PDB file of all heavy atoms in Angstrom:
ATOM      1  N   LEU A   1     -16.369 159.035 -80.394  1.00  0.00           N
ATOM      2  CA  LEU A   1     -16.108 157.842 -81.201  1.00  0.00           C
ATOM      3  C   LEU A   1     -17.398 157.435 -81.900  1.00  0.00           C
ATOM      4  O   LEU A   1     -18.492 157.723 -81.408  1.00  0.00           O
ATOM      5  CB  LEU A   1     -15.661 156.691 -80.296  1.00  0.00           C
ATOM      6  CG  LEU A   1     -14.396 156.901 -79.472  1.00  0.00           C
ATOM      7  CD1 LEU A   1     -14.237 155.768 -78.463  1.00  0.00           C
ATOM      8  CD2 LEU A   1     -13.182 157.007 -80.378  1.00  0.00           C
ATOM      9  N   ASP A   2     -17.268 156.760 -83.028  1.00  0.00           N
ATOM     10  CA  ASP A   2     -18.474 156.200 -83.634  1.00  0.00           C
ATOM     11  C   ASP A   2     -18.787 154.861 -82.945  1.00  0.00           C
ATOM     12  O   ASP A   2     -18.082 154.439 -82.025  1.00  0.00           O
ATOM     13  CB  ASP A   2     -18.333 156.068 -85.162  1.00  0.00           C
ATOM     14  CG  ASP A   2     -17.274 155.073 -85.599  1.00  0.00           C
ATOM     15  OD1 ASP A   2     -16.820 154.250 -84.765  1.00  0.00           O
ATOM     16  OD2 ASP A   2     -16.897 155.101 -86.787  1.00  0.00           O
ATOM     17  N   THR A   3     -19.819 154.178 -83.395  1.00  0.00           N
ATOM     18  CA  THR A   3     -20.239 152.928 -82.739  1.00  0.00           C
ATOM     19  C   THR A   3     -19.220 151.806 -82.898  1.00  0.00           C
ATOM     20  O   THR A   3     -19.253 150.837 -82.152  1.00  0.00           O
ATOM     21  CB  THR A   3     -21.604 152.462 -83.295  1.00  0.00           C
ATOM     22  OG1 THR A   3     -21.479 152.312 -84.711  1.00  0.00           O
ATOM     23  CG2 THR A   3     -22.686 153.468 -82.962  1.00  0.00           C
ATOM     24  N   GLU A   4     -18.313 151.950 -83.842  1.00  0.00           N
ATOM     25  CA  GLU A   4     -17.264 150.957 -84.050  1.00  0.00           C
ATOM     26  C   GLU A   4     -15.983 151.296 -83.274  1.00  0.00           C
ATOM     27  O   GLU A   4     -14.986 150.580 -83.370  1.00  0.00           O
ATOM     28  CB  GLU A   4     -16.935 150.836 -85.546  1.00  0.00           C
ATOM     29  CG  GLU A   4     -18.115 150.480 -86.422  1.00  0.00           C
ATOM     30  CD  GLU A   4     -18.673 149.107 -86.073  1.00  0.00           C
ATOM     31  OE1 GLU A   4     -17.876 148.179 -85.867  1.00  0.00           O
ATOM     32  OE2 GLU A   4     -19.912 148.992 -85.992  1.00  0.00           O
ATOM     33  N   GLY A   5     -16.005 152.405 -82.515  1.00  0.00           N
ATOM     34  CA  GLY A   5     -14.831 152.796 -81.749  1.00  0.00           C
ATOM     35  C   GLY A   5     -13.795 153.580 -82.534  1.00  0.00           C
ATOM     36  O   GLY A   5     -12.667 153.756 -82.080  1.00  0.00           O
ATOM     37  N   ARG A   6     -14.175 154.076 -83.710  1.00  0.00           N
ATOM     38  CA  ARG A   6     -13.248 154.877 -84.522  1.00  0.00           C
ATOM     39  C   ARG A   6     -13.376 156.347 -84.146  1.00  0.00           C
ATOM     40  O   ARG A   6     -14.452 156.805 -83.731  1.00  0.00           O
ATOM     41  CB  ARG A   6     -13.549 154.685 -86.004  1.00  0.00           C
ATOM     42  CG  ARG A   6     -13.205 153.284 -86.512  1.00  0.00           C
ATOM     43  CD  ARG A   6     -13.483 153.169 -87.997  1.00  0.00           C
ATOM     44  NE  ARG A   6     -14.903 153.386 -88.269  1.00  0.00           N
ATOM     45  CZ  ARG A   6     -15.740 152.469 -88.740  1.00  0.00           C
ATOM     46  NH1 ARG A   6     -15.301 151.261 -89.019  1.00  0.00           N
ATOM     47  NH2 ARG A   6     -17.004 152.742 -88.947  1.00  0.00           N
ATOM     48  N   LEU A   7     -12.272 157.092 -84.341  1.00  0.00           N
ATOM     49  CA  LEU A   7     -12.279 158.526 -84.058  1.00  0.00           C
ATOM     50  C   LEU A   7     -13.327 159.209 -84.925  1.00  0.00           C
ATOM     51  O   LEU A   7     -13.383 159.000 -86.132  1.00  0.00           O
ATOM     52  CB  LEU A   7     -10.900 159.126 -84.342  1.00  0.00           C
ATOM     53  CG  LEU A   7      -9.733 158.555 -83.543  1.00  0.00           C
ATOM     54  CD1 LEU A   7      -8.420 159.192 -83.994  1.00  0.00           C
ATOM     55  CD2 LEU A   7      -9.938 158.744 -82.054  1.00  0.00           C
ATOM     56  N   LEU A   8     -14.158 160.024 -84.324  1.00  0.00           N
ATOM     57  CA  LEU A   8     -15.251 160.677 -85.037  1.00  0.00           C
ATOM     58  C   LEU A   8     -15.115 162.195 -85.014  1.00  0.00           C
ATOM     59  O   LEU A   8     -15.142 162.847 -86.052  1.00  0.00           O
ATOM     60  CB  LEU A   8     -16.594 160.257 -84.426  1.00  0.00           C
ATOM     61  CG  LEU A   8     -17.849 160.814 -85.079  1.00  0.00           C
ATOM     62  CD1 LEU A   8     -17.950 160.338 -86.522  1.00  0.00           C
ATOM     63  CD2 LEU A   8     -19.076 160.394 -84.293  1.00  0.00           C
ATOM     64  N   ALA A   9     -14.995 162.787 -83.815  1.00  0.00           N
ATOM     65  CA  ALA A   9     -14.975 164.247 -83.714  1.00  0.00           C
ATOM     66  C   ALA A   9     -14.036 164.674 -82.597  1.00  0.00           C
ATOM     67  O   ALA A   9     -13.828 163.946 -81.626  1.00  0.00           O
ATOM     68  CB  ALA A   9     -16.385 164.770 -83.445  1.00  0.00           C
ATOM     69  N   TYR A  10     -13.505 165.878 -82.758  1.00  0.00           N
ATOM     70  CA  TYR A  10     -12.555 166.424 -81.784  1.00  0.00           C
ATOM     71  C   TYR A  10     -12.817 167.912 -81.636  1.00  0.00           C
ATOM     72  O   TYR A  10     -12.945 168.633 -82.626  1.00  0.00           O
ATOM     73  CB  TYR A  10     -11.133 166.180 -82.289  1.00  0.00           C
ATOM     74  CG  TYR A  10     -10.039 166.409 -81.266  1.00  0.00           C
ATOM     75  CD1 TYR A  10      -9.855 165.530 -80.220  1.00  0.00           C
ATOM     76  CD2 TYR A  10      -9.178 167.494 -81.371  1.00  0.00           C
ATOM     77  CE1 TYR A  10      -8.838 165.706 -79.302  1.00  0.00           C
ATOM     78  CE2 TYR A  10      -8.159 167.681 -80.456  1.00  0.00           C
ATOM     79  CZ  TYR A  10      -7.992 166.787 -79.419  1.00  0.00           C
ATOM     80  OH  TYR A  10      -6.983 166.955 -78.509  1.00  0.00           O
ATOM     81  N   ASP A  11     -12.884 168.358 -80.402  1.00  0.00           N
ATOM     82  CA  ASP A  11     -13.073 169.777 -80.109  1.00  0.00           C
ATOM     83  C   ASP A  11     -11.988 170.185 -79.115  1.00  0.00           C
ATOM     84  O   ASP A  11     -11.877 169.601 -78.036  1.00  0.00           O
ATOM     85  CB  ASP A  11     -14.461 170.033 -79.504  1.00  0.00           C
ATOM     86  CG  ASP A  11     -14.741 171.516 -79.362  1.00  0.00           C
ATOM     87  OD1 ASP A  11     -14.359 172.096 -78.322  1.00  0.00           O
ATOM     88  OD2 ASP A  11     -15.313 172.081 -80.303  1.00  0.00           O
ATOM     89  N   PHE A  12     -11.179 171.150 -79.492  1.00  0.00           N
ATOM     90  CA  PHE A  12     -10.033 171.561 -78.672  1.00  0.00           C
ATOM     91  C   PHE A  12     -10.030 173.071 -78.574  1.00  0.00           C
ATOM     92  O   PHE A  12      -9.972 173.775 -79.576  1.00  0.00           O
ATOM     93  CB  PHE A  12      -8.741 171.065 -79.331  1.00  0.00           C
ATOM     94  CG  PHE A  12      -7.493 171.350 -78.546  1.00  0.00           C
ATOM     95  CD1 PHE A  12      -7.102 170.508 -77.520  1.00  0.00           C
ATOM     96  CD2 PHE A  12      -6.700 172.444 -78.852  1.00  0.00           C
ATOM     97  CE1 PHE A  12      -5.937 170.752 -76.807  1.00  0.00           C
ATOM     98  CE2 PHE A  12      -5.536 172.697 -78.150  1.00  0.00           C
ATOM     99  CZ  PHE A  12      -5.153 171.847 -77.119  1.00  0.00           C
ATOM    100  N   GLN A  13     -10.134 173.569 -77.358  1.00  0.00           N
ATOM    101  CA  GLN A  13     -10.036 175.002 -77.113  1.00  0.00           C
ATOM    102  C   GLN A  13      -8.909 175.224 -76.111  1.00  0.00           C
ATOM    103  O   GLN A  13      -8.817 174.517 -75.107  1.00  0.00           O
ATOM    104  CB  GLN A  13     -11.333 175.555 -76.551  1.00  0.00           C
ATOM    105  CG  GLN A  13     -12.475 175.546 -77.544  1.00  0.00           C
ATOM    106  CD  GLN A  13     -13.646 176.315 -77.010  1.00  0.00           C
ATOM    107  OE1 GLN A  13     -13.547 177.512 -76.778  1.00  0.00           O
ATOM    108  NE2 GLN A  13     -14.755 175.627 -76.808  1.00  0.00           N
ATOM    109  N   VAL A  14      -8.074 176.185 -76.398  1.00  0.00           N
ATOM    110  CA  VAL A  14      -6.949 176.479 -75.518  1.00  0.00           C
ATOM    111  C   VAL A  14      -6.879 177.976 -75.255  1.00  0.00           C
ATOM    112  O   VAL A  14      -7.205 178.783 -76.115  1.00  0.00           O
ATOM    113  CB  VAL A  14      -5.623 175.946 -76.122  1.00  0.00           C
ATOM    114  CG1 VAL A  14      -5.298 176.602 -77.452  1.00  0.00           C
ATOM    115  CG2 VAL A  14      -4.473 176.107 -75.144  1.00  0.00           C
ATOM    116  N   ARG A  15      -6.491 178.283 -74.049  1.00  0.00           N
ATOM    117  CA  ARG A  15      -6.242 179.674 -73.657  1.00  0.00           C
ATOM    118  C   ARG A  15      -4.817 179.733 -73.118  1.00  0.00           C
ATOM    119  O   ARG A  15      -4.476 179.010 -72.192  1.00  0.00           O
ATOM    120  CB  ARG A  15      -7.228 180.106 -72.583  1.00  0.00           C
ATOM    121  CG  ARG A  15      -8.622 180.288 -73.098  1.00  0.00           C
ATOM    122  CD  ARG A  15      -9.628 180.379 -71.954  1.00  0.00           C
ATOM    123  NE  ARG A  15     -10.959 180.588 -72.459  1.00  0.00           N
ATOM    124  CZ  ARG A  15     -11.734 179.614 -72.956  1.00  0.00           C
ATOM    125  NH1 ARG A  15     -11.311 178.387 -72.999  1.00  0.00           N
ATOM    126  NH2 ARG A  15     -12.932 179.879 -73.411  1.00  0.00           N
ATOM    127  N   TYR A  16      -4.008 180.568 -73.749  1.00  0.00           N
ATOM    128  CA  TYR A  16      -2.649 180.753 -73.264  1.00  0.00           C
ATOM    129  C   TYR A  16      -2.153 182.142 -73.632  1.00  0.00           C
ATOM    130  O   TYR A  16      -2.658 182.770 -74.544  1.00  0.00           O
ATOM    131  CB  TYR A  16      -1.697 179.672 -73.779  1.00  0.00           C
ATOM    132  CG  TYR A  16      -1.569 179.556 -75.277  1.00  0.00           C
ATOM    133  CD1 TYR A  16      -0.662 180.322 -75.982  1.00  0.00           C
ATOM    134  CD2 TYR A  16      -2.331 178.636 -75.978  1.00  0.00           C
ATOM    135  CE1 TYR A  16      -0.523 180.193 -77.345  1.00  0.00           C
ATOM    136  CE2 TYR A  16      -2.192 178.493 -77.340  1.00  0.00           C
ATOM    137  CZ  TYR A  16      -1.288 179.273 -78.014  1.00  0.00           C
ATOM    138  OH  TYR A  16      -1.156 179.139 -79.364  1.00  0.00           O
ATOM    139  N   PRO A  17      -1.160 182.621 -72.892  1.00  0.00           N
ATOM    140  CA  PRO A  17      -0.690 183.984 -73.110  1.00  0.00           C
ATOM    141  C   PRO A  17       0.242 184.105 -74.308  1.00  0.00           C
ATOM    142  O   PRO A  17       0.919 183.159 -74.696  1.00  0.00           O
ATOM    143  CB  PRO A  17       0.056 184.315 -71.824  1.00  0.00           C
ATOM    144  CG  PRO A  17       0.449 183.016 -71.269  1.00  0.00           C
ATOM    145  CD  PRO A  17      -0.570 182.015 -71.713  1.00  0.00           C
ATOM    146  N   SER A  18       0.258 185.303 -74.840  1.00  0.00           N
ATOM    147  CA  SER A  18       1.148 185.616 -75.948  1.00  0.00           C
ATOM    148  C   SER A  18       2.598 185.402 -75.549  1.00  0.00           C
ATOM    149  O   SER A  18       2.963 185.520 -74.391  1.00  0.00           O
ATOM    150  CB  SER A  18       0.969 187.077 -76.348  1.00  0.00           C
ATOM    151  OG  SER A  18      -0.352 187.310 -76.745  1.00  0.00           O
ATOM    152  N   ASN A  19       3.391 185.107 -76.525  1.00  0.00           N
ATOM    153  CA  ASN A  19       4.818 184.930 -76.293  1.00  0.00           C
ATOM    154  C   ASN A  19       5.491 186.300 -76.359  1.00  0.00           C
ATOM    155  O   ASN A  19       6.149 186.637 -77.321  1.00  0.00           O
ATOM    156  CB  ASN A  19       5.389 183.991 -77.349  1.00  0.00           C
ATOM    157  CG  ASN A  19       6.811 183.601 -77.042  1.00  0.00           C
ATOM    158  OD1 ASN A  19       7.273 183.777 -75.928  1.00  0.00           O
ATOM    159  ND2 ASN A  19       7.502 183.082 -78.029  1.00  0.00           N
ATOM    160  N   ASP A  20       5.289 187.090 -75.330  1.00  0.00           N
ATOM    161  CA  ASP A  20       5.830 188.439 -75.310  1.00  0.00           C
ATOM    162  C   ASP A  20       6.721 188.568 -74.080  1.00  0.00           C
ATOM    163  O   ASP A  20       6.285 189.009 -73.030  1.00  0.00           O
ATOM    164  CB  ASP A  20       4.679 189.457 -75.263  1.00  0.00           C
ATOM    165  CG  ASP A  20       5.185 190.874 -75.423  1.00  0.00           C
ATOM    166  OD1 ASP A  20       6.275 191.066 -75.982  1.00  0.00           O
ATOM    167  OD2 ASP A  20       4.491 191.798 -74.967  1.00  0.00           O
ATOM    168  N   ALA A  21       7.963 188.146 -74.222  1.00  0.00           N
ATOM    169  CA  ALA A  21       8.911 188.196 -73.107  1.00  0.00           C
ATOM    170  C   ALA A  21       9.896 189.327 -73.379  1.00  0.00           C
ATOM    171  O   ALA A  21      10.947 189.116 -73.960  1.00  0.00           O
ATOM    172  CB  ALA A  21       9.639 186.858 -72.971  1.00  0.00           C
ATOM    173  N   PRO A  22       9.559 190.544 -72.975  1.00  0.00           N
ATOM    174  CA  PRO A  22      10.470 191.663 -73.254  1.00  0.00           C
ATOM    175  C   PRO A  22      11.756 191.526 -72.445  1.00  0.00           C
ATOM    176  O   PRO A  22      11.814 190.785 -71.464  1.00  0.00           O
ATOM    177  CB  PRO A  22       9.667 192.888 -72.806  1.00  0.00           C
ATOM    178  CG  PRO A  22       8.713 192.363 -71.794  1.00  0.00           C
ATOM    179  CD  PRO A  22       8.394 190.962 -72.212  1.00  0.00           C
ATOM    180  N   LEU A  23      12.769 192.244 -72.865  1.00  0.00           N
ATOM    181  CA  LEU A  23      14.015 192.252 -72.104  1.00  0.00           C
ATOM    182  C   LEU A  23      13.744 192.705 -70.681  1.00  0.00           C
ATOM    183  O   LEU A  23      13.010 193.673 -70.453  1.00  0.00           O
ATOM    184  CB  LEU A  23      15.026 193.209 -72.726  1.00  0.00           C
ATOM    185  CG  LEU A  23      15.664 192.814 -74.043  1.00  0.00           C
ATOM    186  CD1 LEU A  23      16.577 193.926 -74.540  1.00  0.00           C
ATOM    187  CD2 LEU A  23      16.433 191.514 -73.909  1.00  0.00           C
ATOM    188  N   LEU A  24      14.356 192.035 -69.736  1.00  0.00           N
ATOM    189  CA  LEU A  24      14.205 192.415 -68.337  1.00  0.00           C
ATOM    190  C   LEU A  24      14.675 193.850 -68.128  1.00  0.00           C
ATOM    191  O   LEU A  24      14.054 194.615 -67.382  1.00  0.00           O
ATOM    192  CB  LEU A  24      14.972 191.434 -67.449  1.00  0.00           C
ATOM    193  CG  LEU A  24      14.727 191.519 -65.959  1.00  0.00           C
ATOM    194  CD1 LEU A  24      13.246 191.404 -65.619  1.00  0.00           C
ATOM    195  CD2 LEU A  24      15.532 190.441 -65.236  1.00  0.00           C
ATOM    196  N   ALA A  25      15.746 194.255 -68.801  1.00  0.00           N
ATOM    197  CA  ALA A  25      16.254 195.630 -68.670  1.00  0.00           C
ATOM    198  C   ALA A  25      15.221 196.646 -69.147  1.00  0.00           C
ATOM    199  O   ALA A  25      15.090 197.728 -68.557  1.00  0.00           O
ATOM    200  CB  ALA A  25      17.562 195.786 -69.445  1.00  0.00           C
ATOM    201  N   LEU A  26      14.484 196.325 -70.216  1.00  0.00           N
ATOM    202  CA  LEU A  26      13.438 197.249 -70.682  1.00  0.00           C
ATOM    203  C   LEU A  26      12.329 197.382 -69.647  1.00  0.00           C
ATOM    204  O   LEU A  26      11.789 198.469 -69.439  1.00  0.00           O
ATOM    205  CB  LEU A  26      12.861 196.777 -72.018  1.00  0.00           C
ATOM    206  CG  LEU A  26      13.670 197.112 -73.257  1.00  0.00           C
ATOM    207  CD1 LEU A  26      13.099 196.409 -74.483  1.00  0.00           C
ATOM    208  CD2 LEU A  26      13.723 198.611 -73.478  1.00  0.00           C
ATOM    209  N   LEU A  27      11.986 196.273 -69.001  1.00  0.00           N
ATOM    210  CA  LEU A  27      10.965 196.340 -67.952  1.00  0.00           C
ATOM    211  C   LEU A  27      11.465 197.135 -66.747  1.00  0.00           C
ATOM    212  O   LEU A  27      10.767 198.004 -66.220  1.00  0.00           O
ATOM    213  CB  LEU A  27      10.561 194.935 -67.506  1.00  0.00           C
ATOM    214  CG  LEU A  27       9.700 194.137 -68.471  1.00  0.00           C
ATOM    215  CD1 LEU A  27       9.614 192.684 -68.031  1.00  0.00           C
ATOM    216  CD2 LEU A  27       8.313 194.738 -68.576  1.00  0.00           C
ATOM    217  N   LEU A  28      12.692 196.851 -66.309  1.00  0.00           N
ATOM    218  CA  LEU A  28      13.222 197.477 -65.095  1.00  0.00           C
ATOM    219  C   LEU A  28      13.540 198.957 -65.273  1.00  0.00           C
ATOM    220  O   LEU A  28      13.494 199.721 -64.309  1.00  0.00           O
ATOM    221  CB  LEU A  28      14.457 196.721 -64.607  1.00  0.00           C
ATOM    222  CG  LEU A  28      14.209 195.279 -64.165  1.00  0.00           C
ATOM    223  CD1 LEU A  28      15.516 194.594 -63.798  1.00  0.00           C
ATOM    224  CD2 LEU A  28      13.232 195.223 -62.993  1.00  0.00           C
ATOM    225  N   THR A  29      13.866 199.378 -66.492  1.00  0.00           N
ATOM    226  CA  THR A  29      14.164 200.789 -66.743  1.00  0.00           C
ATOM    227  C   THR A  29      12.927 201.578 -67.171  1.00  0.00           C
ATOM    228  O   THR A  29      13.002 202.774 -67.386  1.00  0.00           O
ATOM    229  CB  THR A  29      15.242 200.943 -67.842  1.00  0.00           C
ATOM    230  OG1 THR A  29      14.747 200.380 -69.062  1.00  0.00           O
ATOM    231  CG2 THR A  29      16.553 200.294 -67.432  1.00  0.00           C
TER     232      THR A  29
END
């Protein structure tokens, strides 16, 4: 925040897995 309490800066880092949900049948076979 700045000295007046206003939004100043934002840093956002995220780690998450790819959306790769193959068919269960493809995995099992």
